[in-house]
Amino acid sequence: VYKRQIFAIIMLMLTASVAMVNEVENKTIYRLRLSKVSVFELMGGITVIQIMVGILSVVLTIAVAAALGYRFEGAMLPVLLVVLLTTISIIVFSLFIAAFSKTATQVLIIGNFPLFIFMFFTGAMFPVNLQPWFSVMDYNISAISLLSPTHAVSALNKILIMQLGLSDILPEIICLLLLSVAYFIGGMWLYRRRHMAQISGGK
């Protein structure tokens, strides 16, 4: 069930990207730019809405599973923390897709490639094991560690299956935080360069 939760969050990649690109496609980004709205403020508003959608999708996933006989076991607070951080990381990663798209149709075309990678190479669909590059705090880091859902799957497995606590998923939490920051900085810079800076003459 926890993998279905991560899968539901990954799907936000497309909805968040479409929300960002709609501003470009509908030309409302020109008005936003003229009103001195920063990229951070624009993305902040979109992010809040998408976080709410992400949490709702996870709650609905758990509710459906419970209706089918699933018993939720494990600490709720660590689960919510992992879900929140994963949702944020997916939304900020969507900035990369939005940066290379000008219409919602392009989002669906371009976004399929990273969506496929996040779905099938993070453990959200089936286990993926690669040779680790190195280890930190006995936590293996490999190529798929660059994908935030990898750490979410690992964290939820520890909480819901192995019945471990918050202190046991600190490596995953740290990785989710670092990736979210890295995605945000890179995606924000690229989105601003391709969609907002050009409106004001590249400034």
Protein backbone atom coordinates (compact mmCIF):
# COMPACT_ATOMS: atom_id res chain seq x y z
CA VAL A 1 0.00 0.00 0.00
CA TYR A 2 2.81 2.42 0.81
CA LYS A 3 4.10 2.05 -2.74
CA ARG A 4 0.70 3.10 -4.04
CA GLN A 5 1.01 6.21 -1.86
CA ILE A 6 4.32 7.08 -3.50
CA PHE A 7 2.86 6.32 -6.93
CA ALA A 8 0.01 8.75 -6.23
CA ILE A 9 2.52 11.45 -5.28
CA ILE A 10 4.64 10.85 -8.39
CA MET A 11 1.59 11.53 -10.56
CA LEU A 12 1.65 15.10 -9.22
CA MET A 13 4.60 15.64 -11.53
CA LEU A 14 2.24 16.19 -14.46
CA THR A 15 -0.50 18.14 -12.68
CA ALA A 16 2.03 20.52 -11.10
CA SER A 17 3.80 21.02 -14.43
CA VAL A 18 0.51 21.78 -16.18
CA ALA A 19 -0.39 24.31 -13.48
CA MET A 20 2.94 26.08 -14.04
CA VAL A 21 2.77 25.97 -17.83
CA ASN A 22 -0.82 27.26 -17.91
CA GLU A 23 0.54 30.65 -16.88
CA VAL A 24 2.74 30.63 -19.98
CA GLU A 25 0.17 29.14 -22.35
CA ASN A 26 -2.59 31.54 -21.30
CA LYS A 27 -0.19 34.51 -21.38
CA THR A 28 -1.08 35.40 -17.79
CA ILE A 29 2.61 35.17 -16.95
CA TYR A 30 3.06 38.53 -18.71
CA ARG A 31 0.65 40.18 -16.30
CA LEU A 32 2.29 38.43 -13.36
CA ARG A 33 5.69 39.63 -14.47
CA LEU A 34 4.49 43.21 -14.97
CA SER A 35 2.96 43.14 -11.49
CA LYS A 36 6.43 42.35 -10.10
CA VAL A 37 5.44 38.88 -8.92
CA SER A 38 8.60 36.85 -8.33
CA VAL A 39 9.13 33.28 -9.48
CA PHE A 40 9.27 32.28 -5.83
CA GLU A 41 5.83 33.79 -5.11
CA LEU A 42 4.30 32.23 -8.22
CA MET A 43 5.72 28.79 -7.49
CA GLY A 44 4.84 29.13 -3.81
CA GLY A 45 1.16 29.58 -4.61
CA ILE A 46 1.13 26.63 -7.00
CA THR A 47 3.09 24.48 -4.56
CA VAL A 48 0.64 25.01 -1.70
CA ILE A 49 -2.29 23.88 -3.85
CA GLN A 50 -0.40 20.87 -5.20
CA ILE A 51 0.69 19.84 -1.68
CA MET A 52 -2.95 19.80 -0.65
CA VAL A 53 -3.79 17.67 -3.71
CA GLY A 54 -0.89 15.32 -2.91
CA ILE A 55 -1.90 14.81 0.72
CA LEU A 56 -5.52 14.29 -0.32
CA SER A 57 -4.49 11.67 -2.88
CA VAL A 58 -2.49 9.79 -0.24
CA VAL A 59 -5.37 9.95 2.25
CA LEU A 60 -7.75 8.60 -0.38
CA THR A 61 -5.28 5.83 -1.23
CA ILE A 62 -5.13 4.76 2.42
CA ALA A 63 -8.92 5.04 2.75
CA VAL A 64 -9.52 2.77 -0.24
CA ALA A 65 -6.96 0.27 1.07
CA ALA A 66 -8.60 0.33 4.50
CA ALA A 67 -12.00 -0.28 2.91
CA LEU A 68 -10.50 -3.36 1.27
CA GLY A 69 -9.22 -4.70 4.60
CA TYR A 70 -5.79 -3.04 4.98
CA ARG A 71 -4.76 -2.30 8.58
CA PHE A 72 -2.56 0.76 8.97
CA GLU A 73 0.31 0.05 11.35
CA GLY A 74 3.15 2.39 12.20
CA ALA A 75 3.66 5.91 13.54
CA MET A 76 1.52 8.46 11.71
CA LEU A 77 3.81 11.49 12.21
CA PRO A 78 6.85 10.02 10.37
CA VAL A 79 4.56 8.87 7.54
CA LEU A 80 3.09 12.35 7.14
CA LEU A 81 6.57 13.89 7.20
CA VAL A 82 7.79 11.55 4.46
CA VAL A 83 4.67 12.18 2.39
CA LEU A 84 5.04 15.96 2.77
CA LEU A 85 8.73 16.02 1.83
CA THR A 86 8.19 13.69 -1.11
CA THR A 87 5.29 15.79 -2.36
CA ILE A 88 7.38 18.95 -2.18
CA SER A 89 10.29 17.28 -3.99
CA ILE A 90 8.04 16.09 -6.84
CA ILE A 91 6.42 19.50 -7.21
CA VAL A 92 9.72 21.37 -7.36
CA PHE A 93 11.08 18.79 -9.81
CA SER A 94 8.11 19.67 -12.01
CA LEU A 95 9.80 23.02 -12.58
CA PHE A 96 12.20 21.26 -14.94
CA ILE A 97 9.35 19.88 -17.03
CA ALA A 98 7.54 23.23 -17.01
CA ALA A 99 10.73 25.02 -18.06
CA PHE A 100 10.96 22.99 -21.28
CA SER A 101 7.23 23.18 -22.06
CA LYS A 102 5.09 25.98 -23.43
CA THR A 103 1.74 24.19 -23.53
CA ALA A 104 -0.08 21.55 -21.51
CA THR A 105 0.26 19.19 -24.48
CA GLN A 106 4.04 19.54 -24.37
CA VAL A 107 3.97 18.76 -20.66
CA LEU A 108 2.25 15.46 -21.35
CA ILE A 109 4.84 14.62 -24.02
CA ILE A 110 8.00 15.80 -22.26
CA GLY A 111 6.83 14.77 -18.81
CA ASN A 112 6.33 11.12 -19.75
CA PHE A 113 10.08 10.48 -19.76
CA PRO A 114 10.86 11.58 -16.16
CA LEU A 115 7.51 10.13 -15.04
CA PHE A 116 8.54 6.74 -16.43
CA ILE A 117 11.91 6.93 -14.66
CA PHE A 118 10.38 7.96 -11.31
CA MET A 119 7.76 5.22 -11.55
CA PHE A 120 9.94 2.27 -12.54
CA PHE A 121 13.40 3.08 -11.16
CA THR A 122 12.64 4.27 -7.63
CA GLY A 123 11.05 1.15 -6.19
CA ALA A 124 7.53 2.57 -6.40
CA MET A 125 6.48 -0.24 -8.75
CA PHE A 126 8.97 -2.99 -7.94
CA PRO A 127 12.28 -3.30 -6.03
CA VAL A 128 15.34 -1.83 -7.74
CA ASN A 129 18.84 -2.59 -6.47
CA LEU A 130 21.95 -1.00 -7.93
CA GLN A 131 25.58 -1.12 -6.92
CA PRO A 132 26.02 1.70 -4.35
CA TRP A 133 28.51 4.47 -5.02
CA PHE A 134 29.21 4.96 -1.32
CA SER A 135 27.53 4.79 2.08
CA VAL A 136 26.71 7.51 4.61
CA MET A 137 25.45 6.55 8.09
CA ASP A 138 25.23 2.97 6.76
CA TYR A 139 22.83 4.26 4.10
CA ASN A 140 23.75 3.29 0.54
CA ILE A 141 23.87 5.99 -2.12
CA SER A 142 23.56 4.91 -5.76
CA ALA A 143 22.38 6.34 -9.09
CA ILE A 144 18.71 6.02 -8.14
CA SER A 145 19.40 8.00 -4.96
CA LEU A 146 19.16 11.09 -7.18
CA LEU A 147 15.42 10.37 -7.45
CA SER A 148 13.55 11.48 -4.33
CA PRO A 149 10.85 8.74 -4.33
CA THR A 150 13.64 6.19 -3.80
CA HIS A 151 14.14 7.50 -0.28
CA ALA A 152 10.40 7.79 0.34
CA VAL A 153 9.90 4.12 -0.53
CA SER A 154 12.76 3.15 1.78
CA ALA A 155 11.42 5.31 4.63
CA LEU A 156 7.84 4.05 4.39
CA ASN A 157 9.08 0.47 4.20
CA LYS A 158 10.93 0.99 7.48
CA ILE A 159 7.93 2.64 9.15
CA LEU A 160 5.02 0.54 7.92
CA ILE A 161 6.66 -2.84 7.35
CA MET A 162 9.59 -2.95 9.76
CA GLN A 163 7.79 -0.88 12.43
CA LEU A 164 10.75 1.47 12.95
CA GLY A 165 10.57 5.05 14.18
CA LEU A 166 11.54 8.54 13.07
CA SER A 167 15.17 8.23 14.20
CA ASP A 168 15.59 5.20 11.92
CA ILE A 169 14.65 7.12 8.79
CA LEU A 170 16.91 10.15 9.33
CA PRO A 171 19.11 9.28 6.30
CA GLU A 172 16.02 9.21 4.08
CA ILE A 173 14.71 12.47 5.55
CA ILE A 174 18.06 14.19 4.98
CA CYS A 175 18.21 12.93 1.38
CA LEU A 176 14.66 14.13 0.69
CA LEU A 177 15.51 17.55 2.08
CA LEU A 178 18.73 17.87 0.09
CA LEU A 179 17.10 16.71 -3.15
CA SER A 180 14.16 19.08 -2.65
CA VAL A 181 16.55 22.00 -2.24
CA ALA A 182 18.63 20.93 -5.25
CA TYR A 183 15.53 20.43 -7.44
CA PHE A 184 14.17 23.79 -6.31
CA ILE A 185 17.33 25.77 -7.04
CA GLY A 186 17.93 24.14 -10.42
CA GLY A 187 14.29 24.14 -11.49
CA MET A 188 13.66 27.71 -10.35
CA TRP A 189 16.69 28.99 -12.23
CA LEU A 190 15.72 27.15 -15.41
CA TYR A 191 12.04 28.15 -15.26
CA ARG A 192 12.91 31.77 -14.65
CA ARG A 193 15.48 31.78 -17.46
CA ARG A 194 13.15 30.21 -20.05
CA HIS A 195 9.80 31.77 -19.16
CA MET A 196 10.08 34.83 -16.96
CA ALA A 197 13.42 36.49 -17.69
CA GLN A 198 12.69 36.70 -21.39
CA ILE A 199 9.55 38.74 -20.69
CA SER A 200 11.61 41.52 -19.18
CA GLY A 201 14.30 41.38 -21.81
CA GLY A 202 16.30 38.62 -20.14
CA LYS A 203 16.87 40.54 -16.91
